[in-house]
PDB file of N, CA and C in Angstrom:
ATOM      1  N   UNK A   1     -21.809  45.240   1.935  1.00  0.00           N
ATOM      2  CA  UNK A   1     -21.270  44.170   1.123  1.00  0.00           C
ATOM      3  C   UNK A   1     -22.357  43.118   0.909  1.00  0.00           C
ATOM      4  N   UNK A   2     -22.580  42.735  -0.329  1.00  0.00           N
ATOM      5  CA  UNK A   2     -23.588  41.726  -0.642  1.00  0.00           C
ATOM      6  C   UNK A   2     -22.996  40.335  -0.522  1.00  0.00           C
ATOM      7  N   UNK A   3     -23.710  39.482   0.181  1.00  0.00           N
ATOM      8  CA  UNK A   3     -23.271  38.107   0.317  1.00  0.00           C
ATOM      9  C   UNK A   3     -24.036  37.241  -0.675  1.00  0.00           C
ATOM     10  N   UNK A   4     -23.347  36.264  -1.228  1.00  0.00           N
ATOM     11  CA  UNK A   4     -24.020  35.324  -2.105  1.00  0.00           C
ATOM     12  C   UNK A   4     -24.759  34.315  -1.237  1.00  0.00           C
ATOM     13  N   UNK A   5     -26.062  34.221  -1.416  1.00  0.00           N
ATOM     14  CA  UNK A   5     -26.853  33.357  -0.553  1.00  0.00           C
ATOM     15  C   UNK A   5     -27.361  32.117  -1.293  1.00  0.00           C
ATOM     16  N   UNK A   6     -26.733  31.778  -2.421  1.00  0.00           N
ATOM     17  CA  UNK A   6     -27.166  30.593  -3.140  1.00  0.00           C
ATOM     18  C   UNK A   6     -26.694  29.354  -2.399  1.00  0.00           C
ATOM     19  N   UNK A   7     -27.612  28.408  -2.296  1.00  0.00           N
ATOM     20  CA  UNK A   7     -27.274  27.141  -1.688  1.00  0.00           C
ATOM     21  C   UNK A   7     -27.384  26.069  -2.731  1.00  0.00           C
ATOM     22  N   UNK A   8     -26.412  25.201  -2.762  1.00  0.00           N
ATOM     23  CA  UNK A   8     -26.415  24.100  -3.704  1.00  0.00           C
ATOM     24  C   UNK A   8     -26.560  22.793  -2.942  1.00  0.00           C
ATOM     25  N   UNK A   9     -27.344  21.898  -3.515  1.00  0.00           N
ATOM     26  CA  UNK A   9     -27.592  20.602  -2.906  1.00  0.00           C
ATOM     27  C   UNK A   9     -27.246  19.497  -3.894  1.00  0.00           C
ATOM     28  N   UNK A  10     -26.756  18.383  -3.373  1.00  0.00           N
ATOM     29  CA  UNK A  10     -26.611  17.205  -4.222  1.00  0.00           C
ATOM     30  C   UNK A  10     -27.999  16.584  -4.381  1.00  0.00           C
ATOM     31  N   UNK A  11     -28.120  15.624  -5.282  1.00  0.00           N
ATOM     32  CA  UNK A  11     -29.417  14.966  -5.463  1.00  0.00           C
ATOM     33  C   UNK A  11     -29.875  14.334  -4.149  1.00  0.00           C
ATOM     34  N   UNK A  12     -28.980  13.675  -3.472  1.00  0.00           N
ATOM     35  CA  UNK A  12     -29.331  12.995  -2.218  1.00  0.00           C
ATOM     36  C   UNK A  12     -29.764  13.989  -1.146  1.00  0.00           C
ATOM     37  N   UNK A  13     -29.059  15.112  -1.025  1.00  0.00           N
ATOM     38  CA  UNK A  13     -29.422  16.127  -0.037  1.00  0.00           C
ATOM     39  C   UNK A  13     -30.797  16.713  -0.340  1.00  0.00           C
ATOM     40  N   UNK A  14     -31.092  16.936  -1.637  1.00  0.00           N
ATOM     41  CA  UNK A  14     -32.394  17.476  -2.024  1.00  0.00           C
ATOM     42  C   UNK A  14     -33.510  16.510  -1.666  1.00  0.00           C
ATOM     43  N   UNK A  15     -33.285  15.224  -1.890  1.00  0.00           N
ATOM     44  CA  UNK A  15     -34.298  14.206  -1.568  1.00  0.00           C
ATOM     45  C   UNK A  15     -34.525  14.124  -0.065  1.00  0.00           C
ATOM     46  N   UNK A  16     -33.457  14.228   0.709  1.00  0.00           N
ATOM     47  CA  UNK A  16     -33.592  14.167   2.170  1.00  0.00           C
ATOM     48  C   UNK A  16     -34.281  15.424   2.721  1.00  0.00           C
ATOM     49  N   UNK A  17     -34.027  16.571   2.117  1.00  0.00           N
ATOM     50  CA  UNK A  17     -34.577  17.822   2.628  1.00  0.00           C
ATOM     51  C   UNK A  17     -36.042  18.017   2.246  1.00  0.00           C
ATOM     52  N   UNK A  18     -36.410  17.601   1.035  1.00  0.00           N
ATOM     53  CA  UNK A  18     -37.771  17.803   0.532  1.00  0.00           C
ATOM     54  C   UNK A  18     -38.441  16.453   0.313  1.00  0.00           C
ATOM     55  N   UNK A  19     -39.459  16.168   1.114  1.00  0.00           N
ATOM     56  CA  UNK A  19     -40.120  14.858   1.105  1.00  0.00           C
ATOM     57  C   UNK A  19     -40.840  14.564  -0.205  1.00  0.00           C
ATOM     58  N   UNK A  20     -41.242  15.600  -0.949  1.00  0.00           N
ATOM     59  CA  UNK A  20     -41.976  15.365  -2.192  1.00  0.00           C
ATOM     60  C   UNK A  20     -41.064  14.944  -3.345  1.00  0.00           C
ATOM     61  N   UNK A  21     -39.756  15.056  -3.181  1.00  0.00           N
ATOM     62  CA  UNK A  21     -38.817  14.658  -4.228  1.00  0.00           C
ATOM     63  C   UNK A  21     -38.331  13.233  -4.009  1.00  0.00           C
ATOM     64  N   UNK A  22     -38.110  12.519  -5.103  1.00  0.00           N
ATOM     65  CA  UNK A  22     -37.462  11.209  -5.031  1.00  0.00           C
ATOM     66  C   UNK A  22     -36.251  11.246  -5.955  1.00  0.00           C
ATOM     67  N   UNK A  23     -35.316  10.320  -5.736  1.00  0.00           N
ATOM     68  CA  UNK A  23     -34.138  10.276  -6.601  1.00  0.00           C
ATOM     69  C   UNK A  23     -34.541   9.972  -8.031  1.00  0.00           C
ATOM     70  N   UNK A  24     -35.517   9.084  -8.210  1.00  0.00           N
ATOM     71  CA  UNK A  24     -35.960   8.750  -9.558  1.00  0.00           C
ATOM     72  C   UNK A  24     -36.614   9.945 -10.240  1.00  0.00           C
ATOM     73  N   UNK A  25     -37.331  10.775  -9.493  1.00  0.00           N
ATOM     74  CA  UNK A  25     -37.944  11.970 -10.059  1.00  0.00           C
ATOM     75  C   UNK A  25     -36.858  12.921 -10.571  1.00  0.00           C
ATOM     76  N   UNK A  26     -35.805  13.099  -9.777  1.00  0.00           N
ATOM     77  CA  UNK A  26     -34.722  13.986 -10.192  1.00  0.00           C
ATOM     78  C   UNK A  26     -33.969  13.418 -11.394  1.00  0.00           C
ATOM     79  N   UNK A  27     -33.743  12.107 -11.400  1.00  0.00           N
ATOM     80  CA  UNK A  27     -33.082  11.484 -12.548  1.00  0.00           C
ATOM     81  C   UNK A  27     -33.903  11.694 -13.813  1.00  0.00           C
ATOM     82  N   UNK A  28     -35.215  11.563 -13.696  1.00  0.00           N
ATOM     83  CA  UNK A  28     -36.106  11.754 -14.831  1.00  0.00           C
ATOM     84  C   UNK A  28     -36.049  13.198 -15.328  1.00  0.00           C
ATOM     85  N   UNK A  29     -36.058  14.157 -14.408  1.00  0.00           N
ATOM     86  CA  UNK A  29     -35.953  15.565 -14.796  1.00  0.00           C
ATOM     87  C   UNK A  29     -34.620  15.857 -15.490  1.00  0.00           C
ATOM     88  N   UNK A  30     -33.552  15.252 -14.987  1.00  0.00           N
ATOM     89  CA  UNK A  30     -32.242  15.458 -15.600  1.00  0.00           C
ATOM     90  C   UNK A  30     -32.172  14.836 -16.984  1.00  0.00           C
ATOM     91  N   UNK A  31     -32.759  13.670 -17.158  1.00  0.00           N
ATOM     92  CA  UNK A  31     -32.682  12.965 -18.436  1.00  0.00           C
ATOM     93  C   UNK A  31     -33.570  13.604 -19.497  1.00  0.00           C
ATOM     94  N   UNK A  32     -34.819  13.901 -19.135  1.00  0.00           N
ATOM     95  CA  UNK A  32     -35.771  14.426 -20.118  1.00  0.00           C
ATOM     96  C   UNK A  32     -35.677  15.939 -20.310  1.00  0.00           C
ATOM     97  N   UNK A  33     -35.161  16.642 -19.317  1.00  0.00           N
ATOM     98  CA  UNK A  33     -34.942  18.091 -19.379  1.00  0.00           C
ATOM     99  C   UNK A  33     -36.191  18.888 -19.767  1.00  0.00           C
ATOM    100  N   UNK A  34     -37.314  18.678 -19.062  1.00  0.00           N
ATOM    101  CA  UNK A  34     -38.525  19.437 -19.405  1.00  0.00           C
ATOM    102  C   UNK A  34     -38.378  20.907 -19.011  1.00  0.00           C
ATOM    103  N   UNK A  35     -38.770  21.788 -19.909  1.00  0.00           N
ATOM    104  CA  UNK A  35     -38.740  23.221 -19.605  1.00  0.00           C
ATOM    105  C   UNK A  35     -37.364  23.784 -19.344  1.00  0.00           C
ATOM    106  N   UNK A  36     -36.315  23.125 -19.813  1.00  0.00           N
ATOM    107  CA  UNK A  36     -34.959  23.616 -19.596  1.00  0.00           C
ATOM    108  C   UNK A  36     -34.474  23.430 -18.169  1.00  0.00           C
ATOM    109  N   UNK A  37     -34.879  22.336 -17.521  1.00  0.00           N
ATOM    110  CA  UNK A  37     -34.523  22.065 -16.123  1.00  0.00           C
ATOM    111  C   UNK A  37     -33.018  22.158 -15.892  1.00  0.00           C
ATOM    112  N   UNK A  38     -32.243  21.513 -16.767  1.00  0.00           N
ATOM    113  CA  UNK A  38     -30.785  21.495 -16.581  1.00  0.00           C
ATOM    114  C   UNK A  38     -30.188  22.894 -16.665  1.00  0.00           C
ATOM    115  N   UNK A  39     -30.689  23.713 -17.589  1.00  0.00           N
ATOM    116  CA  UNK A  39     -30.145  25.067 -17.739  1.00  0.00           C
ATOM    117  C   UNK A  39     -30.500  25.963 -16.559  1.00  0.00           C
ATOM    118  N   UNK A  40     -31.668  25.764 -15.975  1.00  0.00           N
ATOM    119  CA  UNK A  40     -32.146  26.630 -14.898  1.00  0.00           C
ATOM    120  C   UNK A  40     -31.679  26.205 -13.515  1.00  0.00           C
ATOM    121  N   UNK A  41     -31.541  24.899 -13.276  1.00  0.00           N
ATOM    122  CA  UNK A  41     -31.355  24.404 -11.917  1.00  0.00           C
ATOM    123  C   UNK A  41     -29.993  23.746 -11.681  1.00  0.00           C
ATOM    124  N   UNK A  42     -29.455  23.076 -12.672  1.00  0.00           N
ATOM    125  CA  UNK A  42     -28.292  22.212 -12.483  1.00  0.00           C
ATOM    126  C   UNK A  42     -26.987  22.951 -12.740  1.00  0.00           C
ATOM    127  N   UNK A  43     -26.013  22.705 -11.883  1.00  0.00           N
ATOM    128  CA  UNK A  43     -24.644  23.185 -12.069  1.00  0.00           C
ATOM    129  C   UNK A  43     -23.736  21.972 -11.975  1.00  0.00           C
ATOM    130  N   UNK A  44     -22.711  21.930 -12.809  1.00  0.00           N
ATOM    131  CA  UNK A  44     -21.772  20.820 -12.772  1.00  0.00           C
ATOM    132  C   UNK A  44     -20.459  21.283 -12.166  1.00  0.00           C
ATOM    133  N   UNK A  45     -19.966  20.497 -11.255  1.00  0.00           N
ATOM    134  CA  UNK A  45     -18.648  20.721 -10.661  1.00  0.00           C
ATOM    135  C   UNK A  45     -17.823  19.484 -10.978  1.00  0.00           C
ATOM    136  N   UNK A  46     -17.108  19.536 -12.080  1.00  0.00           N
ATOM    137  CA  UNK A  46     -16.401  18.349 -12.543  1.00  0.00           C
ATOM    138  C   UNK A  46     -17.429  17.323 -12.985  1.00  0.00           C
ATOM    139  N   UNK A  47     -17.392  16.146 -12.370  1.00  0.00           N
ATOM    140  CA  UNK A  47     -18.370  15.104 -12.677  1.00  0.00           C
ATOM    141  C   UNK A  47     -19.588  15.181 -11.774  1.00  0.00           C
ATOM    142  N   UNK A  48     -19.491  15.987 -10.737  1.00  0.00           N
ATOM    143  CA  UNK A  48     -20.569  16.070  -9.755  1.00  0.00           C
ATOM    144  C   UNK A  48     -21.647  17.054 -10.202  1.00  0.00           C
ATOM    145  N   UNK A  49     -22.885  16.680  -9.961  1.00  0.00           N
ATOM    146  CA  UNK A  49     -24.021  17.531 -10.294  1.00  0.00           C
ATOM    147  C   UNK A  49     -24.601  18.085  -9.004  1.00  0.00           C
ATOM    148  N   UNK A  50     -24.782  19.399  -8.953  1.00  0.00           N
ATOM    149  CA  UNK A  50     -25.425  20.027  -7.803  1.00  0.00           C
ATOM    150  C   UNK A  50     -26.622  20.826  -8.298  1.00  0.00           C
ATOM    151  N   UNK A  51     -27.584  20.997  -7.414  1.00  0.00           N
ATOM    152  CA  UNK A  51     -28.823  21.688  -7.749  1.00  0.00           C
ATOM    153  C   UNK A  51     -28.895  23.000  -6.982  1.00  0.00           C
ATOM    154  N   UNK A  52     -29.214  24.068  -7.677  1.00  0.00           N
ATOM    155  CA  UNK A  52     -29.433  25.362  -7.049  1.00  0.00           C
ATOM    156  C   UNK A  52     -30.784  25.284  -6.338  1.00  0.00           C
ATOM    157  N   UNK A  53     -30.781  25.358  -5.021  1.00  0.00           N
ATOM    158  CA  UNK A  53     -31.989  25.124  -4.230  1.00  0.00           C
ATOM    159  C   UNK A  53     -33.102  26.115  -4.571  1.00  0.00           C
ATOM    160  N   UNK A  54     -32.778  27.385  -4.634  1.00  0.00           N
ATOM    161  CA  UNK A  54     -33.795  28.406  -4.931  1.00  0.00           C
ATOM    162  C   UNK A  54     -34.370  28.205  -6.337  1.00  0.00           C
ATOM    163  N   UNK A  55     -33.502  27.906  -7.313  1.00  0.00           N
ATOM    164  CA  UNK A  55     -33.964  27.675  -8.685  1.00  0.00           C
ATOM    165  C   UNK A  55     -34.813  26.409  -8.774  1.00  0.00           C
ATOM    166  N   UNK A  56     -34.474  25.394  -8.001  1.00  0.00           N
ATOM    167  CA  UNK A  56     -35.254  24.149  -7.982  1.00  0.00           C
ATOM    168  C   UNK A  56     -36.669  24.414  -7.490  1.00  0.00           C
ATOM    169  N   UNK A  57     -36.803  25.125  -6.391  1.00  0.00           N
ATOM    170  CA  UNK A  57     -38.128  25.416  -5.844  1.00  0.00           C
ATOM    171  C   UNK A  57     -38.929  26.329  -6.773  1.00  0.00           C
ATOM    172  N   UNK A  58     -38.261  27.282  -7.405  1.00  0.00           N
ATOM    173  CA  UNK A  58     -38.932  28.152  -8.367  1.00  0.00           C
ATOM    174  C   UNK A  58     -39.411  27.354  -9.568  1.00  0.00           C
ATOM    175  N   UNK A  59     -38.559  26.468 -10.082  1.00  0.00           N
ATOM    176  CA  UNK A  59     -38.916  25.636 -11.231  1.00  0.00           C
ATOM    177  C   UNK A  59     -40.129  24.772 -10.919  1.00  0.00           C
ATOM    178  N   UNK A  60     -40.152  24.174  -9.745  1.00  0.00           N
ATOM    179  CA  UNK A  60     -41.274  23.299  -9.364  1.00  0.00           C
ATOM    180  C   UNK A  60     -42.548  24.113  -9.191  1.00  0.00           C
ATOM    181  N   UNK A  61     -42.447  25.282  -8.589  1.00  0.00           N
ATOM    182  CA  UNK A  61     -43.658  26.086  -8.383  1.00  0.00           C
ATOM    183  C   UNK A  61     -44.211  26.644  -9.698  1.00  0.00           C
ATOM    184  N   UNK A  62     -43.355  26.859 -10.686  1.00  0.00           N
ATOM    185  CA  UNK A  62     -43.808  27.381 -11.975  1.00  0.00           C
ATOM    186  C   UNK A  62     -44.265  26.303 -12.943  1.00  0.00           C
ATOM    187  N   UNK A  63     -43.916  25.034 -12.665  1.00  0.00           N
ATOM    188  CA  UNK A  63     -44.306  23.960 -13.577  1.00  0.00           C
ATOM    189  C   UNK A  63     -45.782  23.655 -13.434  1.00  0.00           C
ATOM    190  N   UNK A  64     -46.359  23.154 -14.501  1.00  0.00           N
ATOM    191  CA  UNK A  64     -47.807  22.889 -14.514  1.00  0.00           C
ATOM    192  C   UNK A  64     -48.115  21.486 -14.091  1.00  0.00           C
TER     193      UNK A  64
END
């Protein structure tokens, strides 16, 4: 049986877990949407925004 291993983080959890991220950096990525950030990384649960952790790290490593 395959288990889903996706982990989702709130903006605050992502900032606390990864020292190189700031809340303002994430807000900027969400607002400007460079490289399709919202489509690749962000999931909405009602009004709440969560970030797919694996997609976030992949997006950052692939960005120039």
